[in-house]
Amino acid sequence: MTQIDHLTRRLHAKLPSANVSVDKPLRSRSAWTVDVEHRDRAVTLVWRPYRGFGISLRDDVSYGEGPLEVVSSVDDAVGRTVELLGSRGETRATPAMSLAELREALQLTQGDLARRLGVSQSTISELERDPIRSKLTTVLRVLGALGARVEVRAVLPDERIVSLALPDSAPHRK
């Protein structure tokens, strides 16, 4: 059973009167889209393998913009969808993480990450303690070693959010 199967079954169990539709991707590693309509509200979930569930209210989505909220588990996606559909709440930005929090969330030690990058554990410790002093290329390289894709989002004075296109994360040694 796939993540999408688990998601749709849980949504039907929690919201039996909701209309849940699934758009399957053409390629296996591409995004799945799940639209959930309940009463006068609609939520769109976008699931990408190894990246989690993006959550948007139907009114929040503009062409080319990604979801404002991202959660990693089916339970979190269902819970947040039920919450949004049952309230007048709005989506909210996913809280920022430090490099150390990201590494820990991926269940890696500083030593594990250092080995992936071919550097010392103390180098990783220093980077996590004071990332501002690091070059952007170093941060991109570390994020690449963690399997992350980098996206820079800017909030304009009129509150529009735009994403800055960056090349894929810098190559890293394993």
Protein backbone atom coordinates (compact mmCIF):
# COMPACT_ATOMS: atom_id res chain seq x y z
CA MET A 1 0.00 0.00 0.00
CA THR A 2 1.41 3.42 -0.99
CA GLN A 3 1.54 6.64 1.04
CA ILE A 4 -1.31 7.94 -1.15
CA ASP A 5 -3.44 4.86 -0.38
CA HIS A 6 -2.88 5.40 3.36
CA LEU A 7 -3.66 9.10 2.98
CA THR A 8 -6.91 8.65 1.06
CA ARG A 9 -8.16 5.89 3.38
CA ARG A 10 -7.47 8.01 6.46
CA LEU A 11 -9.11 11.06 4.85
CA HIS A 12 -12.25 9.05 3.96
CA ALA A 13 -12.38 7.69 7.53
CA LYS A 14 -12.07 11.17 9.09
CA LEU A 15 -14.18 13.03 6.52
CA PRO A 16 -16.70 10.53 5.05
CA SER A 17 -18.63 13.24 3.17
CA ALA A 18 -15.51 14.79 1.59
CA ASN A 19 -14.79 14.49 -2.11
CA VAL A 20 -11.23 13.15 -2.45
CA SER A 21 -9.65 12.95 -5.90
CA VAL A 22 -6.15 11.71 -6.77
CA ASP A 23 -4.01 12.67 -9.74
CA LYS A 24 -1.32 10.05 -10.32
CA PRO A 25 1.96 11.28 -11.84
CA LEU A 26 3.13 10.10 -15.24
CA ARG A 27 6.59 9.25 -13.87
CA SER A 28 7.19 7.21 -10.72
CA ARG A 29 9.29 9.82 -8.87
CA SER A 30 7.04 12.76 -9.75
CA ALA A 31 4.45 14.45 -7.55
CA TRP A 32 1.03 13.04 -6.72
CA THR A 33 -1.79 15.53 -6.20
CA VAL A 34 -4.74 14.92 -3.89
CA ASP A 35 -7.64 17.38 -3.85
CA VAL A 36 -9.98 17.27 -0.86
CA GLU A 37 -13.27 19.19 -0.93
CA HIS A 38 -15.47 19.38 2.15
CA ARG A 39 -18.39 21.74 2.55
CA ASP A 40 -17.21 25.07 1.12
CA ARG A 41 -13.46 24.51 1.61
CA ALA A 42 -10.84 22.75 -0.48
CA VAL A 43 -7.30 21.61 0.30
CA THR A 44 -4.70 20.43 -2.17
CA LEU A 45 -1.99 18.03 -1.02
CA VAL A 46 1.07 17.39 -3.17
CA TRP A 47 3.14 14.33 -2.24
CA ARG A 48 6.64 13.84 -3.54
CA PRO A 49 8.55 10.67 -2.66
CA TYR A 50 11.23 11.35 -0.02
CA ARG A 51 10.07 14.97 0.41
CA GLY A 52 6.69 14.78 2.11
CA PHE A 53 3.30 16.41 1.69
CA GLY A 54 2.82 20.01 0.62
CA ILE A 55 -0.47 21.47 1.85
CA SER A 56 -2.32 24.42 0.33
CA LEU A 57 -5.79 25.83 0.60
CA ARG A 58 -7.25 26.00 -2.88
CA ASP A 59 -7.37 29.82 -2.67
CA ASP A 60 -3.67 30.03 -1.63
CA VAL A 61 -2.23 28.46 -4.77
CA SER A 62 -0.79 30.65 -7.51
CA TYR A 63 0.81 29.28 -10.63
CA GLY A 64 4.47 28.44 -10.07
CA GLU A 65 4.40 28.72 -6.28
CA GLY A 66 4.88 25.72 -4.06
CA PRO A 67 2.84 24.90 -0.99
CA LEU A 68 3.29 27.07 2.08
CA GLU A 69 3.15 24.14 4.52
CA VAL A 70 5.08 20.89 4.24
CA VAL A 71 4.69 17.88 6.54
CA SER A 72 6.52 14.58 6.42
CA SER A 73 3.96 11.97 7.53
CA VAL A 74 0.54 10.75 6.46
CA ASP A 75 -0.73 11.33 10.02
CA ASP A 76 0.41 14.97 9.95
CA ALA A 77 -1.06 15.51 6.45
CA VAL A 78 -4.44 14.06 7.46
CA GLY A 79 -4.52 15.96 10.75
CA ARG A 80 -3.69 19.28 9.14
CA THR A 81 -6.14 18.73 6.27
CA VAL A 82 -8.99 17.93 8.69
CA GLU A 83 -8.05 21.00 10.75
CA LEU A 84 -8.03 23.31 7.72
CA LEU A 85 -11.29 21.97 6.31
CA GLY A 86 -13.06 22.21 9.67
CA SER A 87 -12.00 25.76 10.48
CA ARG A 88 -11.52 29.12 8.90
CA GLY A 89 -7.78 28.74 9.48
CA GLU A 90 -5.12 29.51 6.92
CA THR A 91 -2.02 27.62 5.92
CA ARG A 92 1.17 28.73 7.62
CA ALA A 93 4.80 28.53 6.71
CA THR A 94 6.69 25.51 7.93
CA PRO A 95 9.06 26.64 10.71
CA ALA A 96 12.68 27.13 9.73
CA MET A 97 15.23 24.55 10.89
CA SER A 98 18.86 24.96 11.73
CA LEU A 99 21.39 22.76 9.95
CA ALA A 100 21.81 20.77 13.17
CA GLU A 101 18.03 20.23 13.48
CA LEU A 102 17.87 19.10 9.85
CA ARG A 103 20.78 16.68 10.33
CA GLU A 104 19.19 15.29 13.50
CA ALA A 105 15.78 14.96 11.81
CA LEU A 106 17.51 12.79 9.20
CA GLN A 107 18.98 10.73 12.07
CA LEU A 108 22.59 11.53 11.18
CA THR A 109 25.42 12.36 13.55
CA GLN A 110 27.96 15.09 12.86
CA GLY A 111 30.43 12.27 12.16
CA ASP A 112 28.09 10.68 9.59
CA LEU A 113 27.74 13.96 7.74
CA ALA A 114 31.47 14.66 7.98
CA ARG A 115 32.22 11.28 6.36
CA ARG A 116 29.78 12.02 3.52
CA LEU A 117 31.57 15.30 2.87
CA GLY A 118 35.12 14.09 3.48
CA VAL A 119 35.71 16.64 6.26
CA SER A 120 36.27 16.44 10.01
CA GLN A 121 33.50 16.27 12.59
CA SER A 122 34.80 19.53 14.07
CA THR A 123 34.22 21.23 10.69
CA ILE A 124 30.55 20.19 10.82
CA SER A 125 30.32 21.38 14.44
CA GLU A 126 31.72 24.78 13.48
CA LEU A 127 29.39 25.07 10.49
CA GLU A 128 26.34 24.26 12.63
CA ARG A 129 27.42 26.68 15.35
CA ASP A 130 27.98 29.64 12.98
CA PRO A 131 26.55 29.00 9.49
CA ILE A 132 26.42 32.72 8.67
CA ARG A 133 30.22 32.82 8.40
CA SER A 134 30.19 29.98 5.87
CA LYS A 135 30.24 30.43 2.13
CA LEU A 136 26.97 29.72 0.37
CA THR A 137 28.73 27.01 -1.66
CA THR A 138 29.64 25.23 1.59
CA VAL A 139 26.05 25.34 2.84
CA LEU A 140 24.81 24.09 -0.56
CA ARG A 141 27.34 21.24 -0.43
CA VAL A 142 26.20 20.22 3.08
CA LEU A 143 22.53 20.33 2.08
CA GLY A 144 23.36 18.24 -0.99
CA ALA A 145 25.04 15.66 1.25
CA LEU A 146 21.84 15.56 3.32
CA GLY A 147 19.85 14.86 0.14
CA ALA A 148 18.15 18.24 0.18
CA ARG A 149 17.19 20.34 -2.81
CA VAL A 150 17.71 24.04 -2.16
CA GLU A 151 14.98 26.58 -2.81
CA VAL A 152 15.19 30.27 -1.96
CA ARG A 153 11.90 32.06 -1.45
CA ALA A 154 11.57 35.82 -1.20
CA VAL A 155 8.61 37.80 0.16
CA LEU A 156 8.13 40.97 -1.89
CA PRO A 157 6.85 44.26 -0.41
CA ASP A 158 3.35 43.49 -1.78
CA GLU A 159 3.46 40.12 0.11
CA ARG A 160 3.80 38.02 -3.06
CA ILE A 161 6.15 35.08 -2.61
CA VAL A 162 8.56 34.23 -5.40
CA SER A 163 11.05 31.39 -5.66
CA LEU A 164 14.55 32.03 -6.89
CA ALA A 165 15.78 29.36 -9.27
CA LEU A 166 19.04 27.79 -8.13
CA PRO A 167 21.03 25.05 -9.78
CA ASP A 168 20.82 21.62 -8.15
CA SER A 169 22.72 21.39 -4.87
CA ALA A 170 26.47 21.42 -5.19
CA PRO A 171 28.09 18.00 -5.67
CA HIS A 172 29.40 16.27 -2.58
CA ARG A 173 31.81 13.46 -1.79
CA LYS A 174 30.57 10.23 -0.28
